[in-house]
């Protein structure tokens, strides 16, 4: 998750680019699909 304490560092693993429309995506990714959940 997001670090809150000044100087706190969290690992961030870069993944594939997503379309801008993904910013509104909220719901279910079907089981068996990439990122299902």
ModelCIF file with pLDDT and N, C-alpha, C, O atoms, coordinates in Angstrom:
data_MODEL
#
_entry.id   MODEL 
#
_entity.id                         1 
_entity.type                       polymer 
_entity.pdbx_number_of_molecules   1 
#
_entity_poly.entity_id                      1 
_entity_poly.type                           'polypeptide(L)' 
_entity_poly.nstd_linkage                   no 
_entity_poly.nstd_monomer                   no 
_entity_poly.pdbx_seq_one_letter_code       
;(UNK)(UNK)(UNK)(UNK)(UNK)(UNK)(UNK)(UNK)(UNK)(UNK)(UNK)(UNK)(UNK)(UNK)(UNK)(UNK)
(UNK)(UNK)(UNK)(UNK)(UNK)(UNK)(UNK)(UNK)(UNK)(UNK)(UNK)(UNK)(UNK)(UNK)(UNK)(UNK)
(UNK)(UNK)(UNK)(UNK)(UNK)
;
_entity_poly.pdbx_seq_one_letter_code_can   XXXXXXXXXXXXXXXXXXXXXXXXXXXXXXXXXXXXX 
_entity_poly.pdbx_strand_id                 A 
#
loop_
_entity_poly_seq.entity_id 
_entity_poly_seq.num 
_entity_poly_seq.mon_id 
_entity_poly_seq.hetero 
1 1  UNK n 
1 2  UNK n 
1 3  UNK n 
1 4  UNK n 
1 5  UNK n 
1 6  UNK n 
1 7  UNK n 
1 8  UNK n 
1 9  UNK n 
1 10 UNK n 
1 11 UNK n 
1 12 UNK n 
1 13 UNK n 
1 14 UNK n 
1 15 UNK n 
1 16 UNK n 
1 17 UNK n 
1 18 UNK n 
1 19 UNK n 
1 20 UNK n 
1 21 UNK n 
1 22 UNK n 
1 23 UNK n 
1 24 UNK n 
1 25 UNK n 
1 26 UNK n 
1 27 UNK n 
1 28 UNK n 
1 29 UNK n 
1 30 UNK n 
1 31 UNK n 
1 32 UNK n 
1 33 UNK n 
1 34 UNK n 
1 35 UNK n 
1 36 UNK n 
1 37 UNK n 
#
_struct_asym.id          A 
_struct_asym.entity_id   1 
#
loop_
_ma_qa_metric.id 
_ma_qa_metric.mode 
_ma_qa_metric.name 
_ma_qa_metric.software_group_id 
_ma_qa_metric.type 
1 global pLDDT . pLDDT 
2 local  pLDDT . pLDDT 
#
_ma_qa_metric_global.metric_id      1 
_ma_qa_metric_global.metric_value   93.70 
_ma_qa_metric_global.model_id       1 
_ma_qa_metric_global.ordinal_id     1 
#
loop_
_ma_qa_metric_local.label_asym_id 
_ma_qa_metric_local.label_comp_id 
_ma_qa_metric_local.label_seq_id 
_ma_qa_metric_local.metric_id 
_ma_qa_metric_local.metric_value 
_ma_qa_metric_local.model_id 
_ma_qa_metric_local.ordinal_id 
A UNK 1  2 95.00 1 1  
A UNK 2  2 97.00 1 2  
A UNK 3  2 97.00 1 3  
A UNK 4  2 98.00 1 4  
A UNK 5  2 97.00 1 5  
A UNK 6  2 97.00 1 6  
A UNK 7  2 96.00 1 7  
A UNK 8  2 97.00 1 8  
A UNK 9  2 97.00 1 9  
A UNK 10 2 97.00 1 10 
A UNK 11 2 96.00 1 11 
A UNK 12 2 97.00 1 12 
A UNK 13 2 95.00 1 13 
A UNK 14 2 96.00 1 14 
A UNK 15 2 96.00 1 15 
A UNK 16 2 96.00 1 16 
A UNK 17 2 96.00 1 17 
A UNK 18 2 96.00 1 18 
A UNK 19 2 94.00 1 19 
A UNK 20 2 92.00 1 20 
A UNK 21 2 89.00 1 21 
A UNK 22 2 94.00 1 22 
A UNK 23 2 92.00 1 23 
A UNK 24 2 86.00 1 24 
A UNK 25 2 90.00 1 25 
A UNK 26 2 91.00 1 26 
A UNK 27 2 90.00 1 27 
A UNK 28 2 90.00 1 28 
A UNK 29 2 92.00 1 29 
A UNK 30 2 90.00 1 30 
A UNK 31 2 88.00 1 31 
A UNK 32 2 88.00 1 32 
A UNK 33 2 91.00 1 33 
A UNK 34 2 93.00 1 34 
A UNK 35 2 94.00 1 35 
A UNK 36 2 93.00 1 36 
A UNK 37 2 94.00 1 37 
#
loop_
_atom_site.group_PDB 
_atom_site.id 
_atom_site.type_symbol 
_atom_site.label_atom_id 
_atom_site.label_alt_id 
_atom_site.label_comp_id 
_atom_site.label_asym_id 
_atom_site.label_entity_id 
_atom_site.label_seq_id 
_atom_site.pdbx_PDB_ins_code 
_atom_site.Cartn_x 
_atom_site.Cartn_y 
_atom_site.Cartn_z 
_atom_site.occupancy 
_atom_site.B_iso_or_equiv 
_atom_site.pdbx_formal_charge 
_atom_site.auth_seq_id 
_atom_site.auth_comp_id 
_atom_site.auth_asym_id 
_atom_site.auth_atom_id 
_atom_site.pdbx_PDB_model_num 
ATOM 1   N N  . UNK A 1 1  ? 0.803   -1.212  0.000   1.00 95.00 ? 1  UNK A N  1 
ATOM 2   C CA . UNK A 1 1  ? 0.000   0.000   0.000   1.00 95.00 ? 1  UNK A CA 1 
ATOM 3   C C  . UNK A 1 1  ? 0.839   1.266   0.000   1.00 95.00 ? 1  UNK A C  1 
ATOM 4   O O  . UNK A 1 1  ? 2.063   1.215   -0.117  1.00 95.00 ? 1  UNK A O  1 
ATOM 5   N N  . UNK A 1 2  ? 0.171   2.395   0.132   1.00 97.00 ? 2  UNK A N  1 
ATOM 6   C CA . UNK A 1 2  ? 0.819   3.697   0.031   1.00 97.00 ? 2  UNK A CA 1 
ATOM 7   C C  . UNK A 1 2  ? 1.556   4.034   1.324   1.00 97.00 ? 2  UNK A C  1 
ATOM 8   O O  . UNK A 1 2  ? 0.976   3.901   2.402   1.00 97.00 ? 2  UNK A O  1 
ATOM 9   N N  . UNK A 1 3  ? 2.814   4.466   1.250   1.00 97.00 ? 3  UNK A N  1 
ATOM 10  C CA . UNK A 1 3  ? 3.532   4.882   2.461   1.00 97.00 ? 3  UNK A CA 1 
ATOM 11  C C  . UNK A 1 3  ? 3.053   6.250   2.946   1.00 97.00 ? 3  UNK A C  1 
ATOM 12  O O  . UNK A 1 3  ? 2.737   7.123   2.137   1.00 97.00 ? 3  UNK A O  1 
ATOM 13  N N  . UNK A 1 4  ? 3.000   6.436   4.268   1.00 98.00 ? 4  UNK A N  1 
ATOM 14  C CA . UNK A 1 4  ? 2.534   7.690   4.844   1.00 98.00 ? 4  UNK A CA 1 
ATOM 15  C C  . UNK A 1 4  ? 3.612   8.422   5.639   1.00 98.00 ? 4  UNK A C  1 
ATOM 16  O O  . UNK A 1 4  ? 3.594   9.651   5.710   1.00 98.00 ? 4  UNK A O  1 
ATOM 17  N N  . UNK A 1 5  ? 4.548   7.690   6.235   1.00 97.00 ? 5  UNK A N  1 
ATOM 18  C CA . UNK A 1 5  ? 5.604   8.318   7.034   1.00 97.00 ? 5  UNK A CA 1 
ATOM 19  C C  . UNK A 1 5  ? 6.674   8.896   6.120   1.00 97.00 ? 5  UNK A C  1 
ATOM 20  O O  . UNK A 1 5  ? 7.052   8.259   5.136   1.00 97.00 ? 5  UNK A O  1 
ATOM 21  N N  . UNK A 1 6  ? 7.166   10.084  6.426   1.00 97.00 ? 6  UNK A N  1 
ATOM 22  C CA . UNK A 1 6  ? 8.169   10.730  5.588   1.00 97.00 ? 6  UNK A CA 1 
ATOM 23  C C  . UNK A 1 6  ? 9.408   9.841   5.468   1.00 97.00 ? 6  UNK A C  1 
ATOM 24  O O  . UNK A 1 6  ? 9.966   9.401   6.473   1.00 97.00 ? 6  UNK A O  1 
ATOM 25  N N  . UNK A 1 7  ? 9.831   9.581   4.228   1.00 96.00 ? 7  UNK A N  1 
ATOM 26  C CA . UNK A 1 7  ? 10.986  8.738   3.975   1.00 96.00 ? 7  UNK A CA 1 
ATOM 27  C C  . UNK A 1 7  ? 10.666  7.256   3.896   1.00 96.00 ? 7  UNK A C  1 
ATOM 28  O O  . UNK A 1 7  ? 11.532  6.463   3.524   1.00 96.00 ? 7  UNK A O  1 
ATOM 29  N N  . UNK A 1 8  ? 9.430   6.856   4.239   1.00 97.00 ? 8  UNK A N  1 
ATOM 30  C CA . UNK A 1 8  ? 9.029   5.441   4.167   1.00 97.00 ? 8  UNK A CA 1 
ATOM 31  C C  . UNK A 1 8  ? 8.988   4.989   2.714   1.00 97.00 ? 8  UNK A C  1 
ATOM 32  O O  . UNK A 1 8  ? 8.497   5.713   1.848   1.00 97.00 ? 8  UNK A O  1 
ATOM 33  N N  . UNK A 1 9  ? 9.503   3.790   2.447   1.00 97.00 ? 9  UNK A N  1 
ATOM 34  C CA . UNK A 1 9  ? 9.585   3.267   1.080   1.00 97.00 ? 9  UNK A CA 1 
ATOM 35  C C  . UNK A 1 9  ? 8.851   1.939   0.980   1.00 97.00 ? 9  UNK A C  1 
ATOM 36  O O  . UNK A 1 9  ? 9.016   1.064   1.829   1.00 97.00 ? 9  UNK A O  1 
ATOM 37  N N  . UNK A 1 10 ? 8.037   1.795   -0.065  1.00 97.00 ? 10 UNK A N  1 
ATOM 38  C CA . UNK A 1 10 ? 7.358   0.537   -0.343  1.00 97.00 ? 10 UNK A CA 1 
ATOM 39  C C  . UNK A 1 10 ? 7.711   0.073   -1.748  1.00 97.00 ? 10 UNK A C  1 
ATOM 40  O O  . UNK A 1 10 ? 7.797   0.881   -2.673  1.00 97.00 ? 10 UNK A O  1 
ATOM 41  N N  . UNK A 1 11 ? 7.912   -1.214  -1.902  1.00 96.00 ? 11 UNK A N  1 
ATOM 42  C CA . UNK A 1 11 ? 8.188   -1.775  -3.213  1.00 96.00 ? 11 UNK A CA 1 
ATOM 43  C C  . UNK A 1 11 ? 7.000   -1.528  -4.145  1.00 96.00 ? 11 UNK A C  1 
ATOM 44  O O  . UNK A 1 11 ? 5.845   -1.720  -3.764  1.00 96.00 ? 11 UNK A O  1 
ATOM 45  N N  . UNK A 1 12 ? 7.305   -1.098  -5.376  1.00 97.00 ? 12 UNK A N  1 
ATOM 46  C CA . UNK A 1 12 ? 6.284   -0.869  -6.402  1.00 97.00 ? 12 UNK A CA 1 
ATOM 47  C C  . UNK A 1 12 ? 6.752   -1.580  -7.670  1.00 97.00 ? 12 UNK A C  1 
ATOM 48  O O  . UNK A 1 12 ? 7.759   -1.195  -8.265  1.00 97.00 ? 12 UNK A O  1 
ATOM 49  N N  . UNK A 1 13 ? 6.025   -2.613  -8.082  1.00 95.00 ? 13 UNK A N  1 
ATOM 50  C CA . UNK A 1 13 ? 6.415   -3.413  -9.234  1.00 95.00 ? 13 UNK A CA 1 
ATOM 51  C C  . UNK A 1 13 ? 5.663   -2.907  -10.458 1.00 95.00 ? 13 UNK A C  1 
ATOM 52  O O  . UNK A 1 13 ? 4.435   -2.968  -10.516 1.00 95.00 ? 13 UNK A O  1 
ATOM 53  N N  . UNK A 1 14 ? 6.422   -2.402  -11.442 1.00 96.00 ? 14 UNK A N  1 
ATOM 54  C CA . UNK A 1 14 ? 5.769   -1.859  -12.638 1.00 96.00 ? 14 UNK A CA 1 
ATOM 55  C C  . UNK A 1 14 ? 5.135   -2.989  -13.438 1.00 96.00 ? 14 UNK A C  1 
ATOM 56  O O  . UNK A 1 14 ? 5.748   -4.031  -13.668 1.00 96.00 ? 14 UNK A O  1 
ATOM 57  N N  . UNK A 1 15 ? 3.893   -2.759  -13.857 1.00 96.00 ? 15 UNK A N  1 
ATOM 58  C CA . UNK A 1 15 ? 3.154   -3.732  -14.665 1.00 96.00 ? 15 UNK A CA 1 
ATOM 59  C C  . UNK A 1 15 ? 2.785   -3.067  -15.986 1.00 96.00 ? 15 UNK A C  1 
ATOM 60  O O  . UNK A 1 15 ? 3.203   -1.941  -16.252 1.00 96.00 ? 15 UNK A O  1 
ATOM 61  N N  . UNK A 1 16 ? 2.013   -3.750  -16.803 1.00 96.00 ? 16 UNK A N  1 
ATOM 62  C CA . UNK A 1 16 ? 1.679   -3.232  -18.125 1.00 96.00 ? 16 UNK A CA 1 
ATOM 63  C C  . UNK A 1 16 ? 0.861   -1.939  -18.036 1.00 96.00 ? 16 UNK A C  1 
ATOM 64  O O  . UNK A 1 16 ? 0.113   -1.730  -17.080 1.00 96.00 ? 16 UNK A O  1 
ATOM 65  N N  . UNK A 1 17 ? 1.015   -1.074  -19.048 1.00 96.00 ? 17 UNK A N  1 
ATOM 66  C CA . UNK A 1 17 ? 0.203   0.131   -19.126 1.00 96.00 ? 17 UNK A CA 1 
ATOM 67  C C  . UNK A 1 17 ? -1.270  -0.241  -19.254 1.00 96.00 ? 17 UNK A C  1 
ATOM 68  O O  . UNK A 1 17 ? -1.611  -1.267  -19.843 1.00 96.00 ? 17 UNK A O  1 
ATOM 69  N N  . UNK A 1 18 ? -2.140  0.602   -18.698 1.00 96.00 ? 18 UNK A N  1 
ATOM 70  C CA . UNK A 1 18 ? -3.587  0.404   -18.770 1.00 96.00 ? 18 UNK A CA 1 
ATOM 71  C C  . UNK A 1 18 ? -4.234  1.578   -19.515 1.00 96.00 ? 18 UNK A C  1 
ATOM 72  O O  . UNK A 1 18 ? -3.684  2.679   -19.516 1.00 96.00 ? 18 UNK A O  1 
ATOM 73  N N  . UNK A 1 19 ? -5.397  1.358   -20.148 1.00 94.00 ? 19 UNK A N  1 
ATOM 74  C CA . UNK A 1 19 ? -6.089  2.470   -20.821 1.00 94.00 ? 19 UNK A CA 1 
ATOM 75  C C  . UNK A 1 19 ? -6.631  3.468   -19.805 1.00 94.00 ? 19 UNK A C  1 
ATOM 76  O O  . UNK A 1 19 ? -6.876  3.123   -18.649 1.00 94.00 ? 19 UNK A O  1 
ATOM 77  N N  . UNK A 1 20 ? -6.814  4.712   -20.249 1.00 92.00 ? 20 UNK A N  1 
ATOM 78  C CA . UNK A 1 20 ? -7.311  5.751   -19.349 1.00 92.00 ? 20 UNK A CA 1 
ATOM 79  C C  . UNK A 1 20 ? -8.672  5.396   -18.772 1.00 92.00 ? 20 UNK A C  1 
ATOM 80  O O  . UNK A 1 20 ? -8.980  5.759   -17.637 1.00 92.00 ? 20 UNK A O  1 
ATOM 81  N N  . UNK A 1 21 ? -9.489  4.691   -19.546 1.00 89.00 ? 21 UNK A N  1 
ATOM 82  C CA . UNK A 1 21 ? -10.819 4.308   -19.067 1.00 89.00 ? 21 UNK A CA 1 
ATOM 83  C C  . UNK A 1 21 ? -10.754 3.398   -17.844 1.00 89.00 ? 21 UNK A C  1 
ATOM 84  O O  . UNK A 1 21 ? -11.747 3.244   -17.133 1.00 89.00 ? 21 UNK A O  1 
ATOM 85  N N  . UNK A 1 22 ? -9.605  2.800   -17.597 1.00 94.00 ? 22 UNK A N  1 
ATOM 86  C CA . UNK A 1 22 ? -9.476  1.896   -16.457 1.00 94.00 ? 22 UNK A CA 1 
ATOM 87  C C  . UNK A 1 22 ? -9.585  2.639   -15.128 1.00 94.00 ? 22 UNK A C  1 
ATOM 88  O O  . UNK A 1 22 ? -9.834  2.028   -14.089 1.00 94.00 ? 22 UNK A O  1 
ATOM 89  N N  . UNK A 1 23 ? -9.398  3.951   -15.164 1.00 92.00 ? 23 UNK A N  1 
ATOM 90  C CA . UNK A 1 23 ? -9.473  4.743   -13.931 1.00 92.00 ? 23 UNK A CA 1 
ATOM 91  C C  . UNK A 1 23 ? -10.839 4.646   -13.275 1.00 92.00 ? 23 UNK A C  1 
ATOM 92  O O  . UNK A 1 23 ? -10.949 4.850   -12.066 1.00 92.00 ? 23 UNK A O  1 
ATOM 93  N N  . UNK A 1 24 ? -11.881 4.342   -14.035 1.00 86.00 ? 24 UNK A N  1 
ATOM 94  C CA . UNK A 1 24 ? -13.235 4.226   -13.497 1.00 86.00 ? 24 UNK A CA 1 
ATOM 95  C C  . UNK A 1 24 ? -13.623 2.783   -13.180 1.00 86.00 ? 24 UNK A C  1 
ATOM 96  O O  . UNK A 1 24 ? -14.734 2.527   -12.717 1.00 86.00 ? 24 UNK A O  1 
ATOM 97  N N  . UNK A 1 25 ? -12.725 1.853   -13.423 1.00 90.00 ? 25 UNK A N  1 
ATOM 98  C CA . UNK A 1 25 ? -13.098 0.447   -13.271 1.00 90.00 ? 25 UNK A CA 1 
ATOM 99  C C  . UNK A 1 25 ? -13.190 0.056   -11.807 1.00 90.00 ? 25 UNK A C  1 
ATOM 100 O O  . UNK A 1 25 ? -12.238 0.210   -11.042 1.00 90.00 ? 25 UNK A O  1 
ATOM 101 N N  . UNK A 1 26 ? -14.350 -0.451  -11.436 1.00 91.00 ? 26 UNK A N  1 
ATOM 102 C CA . UNK A 1 26 ? -14.589 -0.968  -10.088 1.00 91.00 ? 26 UNK A CA 1 
ATOM 103 C C  . UNK A 1 26 ? -15.566 -2.116  -10.194 1.00 91.00 ? 26 UNK A C  1 
ATOM 104 O O  . UNK A 1 26 ? -16.656 -1.958  -10.744 1.00 91.00 ? 26 UNK A O  1 
ATOM 105 N N  . UNK A 1 27 ? -15.191 -3.264  -9.676  1.00 90.00 ? 27 UNK A N  1 
ATOM 106 C CA . UNK A 1 27 ? -16.089 -4.409  -9.756  1.00 90.00 ? 27 UNK A CA 1 
ATOM 107 C C  . UNK A 1 27 ? -15.325 -5.706  -9.696  1.00 90.00 ? 27 UNK A C  1 
ATOM 108 O O  . UNK A 1 27 ? -14.367 -5.841  -8.936  1.00 90.00 ? 27 UNK A O  1 
ATOM 109 N N  . UNK A 1 28 ? -15.755 -6.668  -10.505 1.00 90.00 ? 28 UNK A N  1 
ATOM 110 C CA . UNK A 1 28 ? -15.209 -8.017  -10.442 1.00 90.00 ? 28 UNK A CA 1 
ATOM 111 C C  . UNK A 1 28 ? -14.499 -8.367  -11.738 1.00 90.00 ? 28 UNK A C  1 
ATOM 112 O O  . UNK A 1 28 ? -15.054 -8.196  -12.823 1.00 90.00 ? 28 UNK A O  1 
ATOM 113 N N  . UNK A 1 29 ? -13.269 -8.860  -11.625 1.00 92.00 ? 29 UNK A N  1 
ATOM 114 C CA . UNK A 1 29 ? -12.593 -9.521  -12.740 1.00 92.00 ? 29 UNK A CA 1 
ATOM 115 C C  . UNK A 1 29 ? -12.848 -11.014 -12.549 1.00 92.00 ? 29 UNK A C  1 
ATOM 116 O O  . UNK A 1 29 ? -12.525 -11.562 -11.495 1.00 92.00 ? 29 UNK A O  1 
ATOM 117 N N  . UNK A 1 30 ? -13.426 -11.680 -13.556 1.00 90.00 ? 30 UNK A N  1 
ATOM 118 C CA . UNK A 1 30 ? -13.831 -13.079 -13.370 1.00 90.00 ? 30 UNK A CA 1 
ATOM 119 C C  . UNK A 1 30 ? -12.674 -13.997 -12.963 1.00 90.00 ? 30 UNK A C  1 
ATOM 120 O O  . UNK A 1 30 ? -11.528 -13.799 -13.366 1.00 90.00 ? 30 UNK A O  1 
ATOM 121 N N  . UNK A 1 31 ? -13.004 -14.991 -12.165 1.00 88.00 ? 31 UNK A N  1 
ATOM 122 C CA . UNK A 1 31 ? -12.036 -15.998 -11.752 1.00 88.00 ? 31 UNK A CA 1 
ATOM 123 C C  . UNK A 1 31 ? -11.491 -16.698 -12.990 1.00 88.00 ? 31 UNK A C  1 
ATOM 124 O O  . UNK A 1 31 ? -12.243 -17.043 -13.902 1.00 88.00 ? 31 UNK A O  1 
ATOM 125 N N  . UNK A 1 32 ? -10.198 -16.903 -13.015 1.00 88.00 ? 32 UNK A N  1 
ATOM 126 C CA . UNK A 1 32 ? -9.559  -17.538 -14.168 1.00 88.00 ? 32 UNK A CA 1 
ATOM 127 C C  . UNK A 1 32 ? -8.997  -16.537 -15.150 1.00 88.00 ? 32 UNK A C  1 
ATOM 128 O O  . UNK A 1 32 ? -8.168  -16.887 -15.990 1.00 88.00 ? 32 UNK A O  1 
ATOM 129 N N  . UNK A 1 33 ? -9.442  -15.281 -15.054 1.00 91.00 ? 33 UNK A N  1 
ATOM 130 C CA . UNK A 1 33 ? -8.889  -14.218 -15.888 1.00 91.00 ? 33 UNK A CA 1 
ATOM 131 C C  . UNK A 1 33 ? -7.683  -13.593 -15.194 1.00 91.00 ? 33 UNK A C  1 
ATOM 132 O O  . UNK A 1 33 ? -7.535  -13.701 -13.977 1.00 91.00 ? 33 UNK A O  1 
ATOM 133 N N  . UNK A 1 34 ? -6.832  -12.948 -15.965 1.00 93.00 ? 34 UNK A N  1 
ATOM 134 C CA . UNK A 1 34 ? -5.659  -12.281 -15.419 1.00 93.00 ? 34 UNK A CA 1 
ATOM 135 C C  . UNK A 1 34 ? -6.089  -11.255 -14.365 1.00 93.00 ? 34 UNK A C  1 
ATOM 136 O O  . UNK A 1 34 ? -6.897  -10.369 -14.645 1.00 93.00 ? 34 UNK A O  1 
ATOM 137 N N  . UNK A 1 35 ? -5.544  -11.384 -13.154 1.00 94.00 ? 35 UNK A N  1 
ATOM 138 C CA . UNK A 1 35 ? -5.913  -10.449 -12.089 1.00 94.00 ? 35 UNK A CA 1 
ATOM 139 C C  . UNK A 1 35 ? -7.281  -10.705 -11.505 1.00 94.00 ? 35 UNK A C  1 
ATOM 140 O O  . UNK A 1 35 ? -7.855  -9.818  -10.874 1.00 94.00 ? 35 UNK A O  1 
ATOM 141 N N  . UNK A 1 36 ? -7.819  -11.900 -11.698 1.00 93.00 ? 36 UNK A N  1 
ATOM 142 C CA . UNK A 1 36 ? -9.168  -12.209 -11.221 1.00 93.00 ? 36 UNK A CA 1 
ATOM 143 C C  . UNK A 1 36 ? -9.367  -11.874 -9.749  1.00 93.00 ? 36 UNK A C  1 
ATOM 144 O O  . UNK A 1 36 ? -8.543  -12.233 -8.908  1.00 93.00 ? 36 UNK A O  1 
ATOM 145 N N  . UNK A 1 37 ? -10.466 -11.182 -9.438  1.00 94.00 ? 37 UNK A N  1 
ATOM 146 C CA . UNK A 1 37 ? -10.755 -10.783 -8.067  1.00 94.00 ? 37 UNK A CA 1 
ATOM 147 C C  . UNK A 1 37 ? -11.550 -9.496  -8.021  1.00 94.00 ? 37 UNK A C  1 
ATOM 148 O O  . UNK A 1 37 ? -11.882 -9.013  -6.939  1.00 94.00 ? 37 UNK A O  1 
#
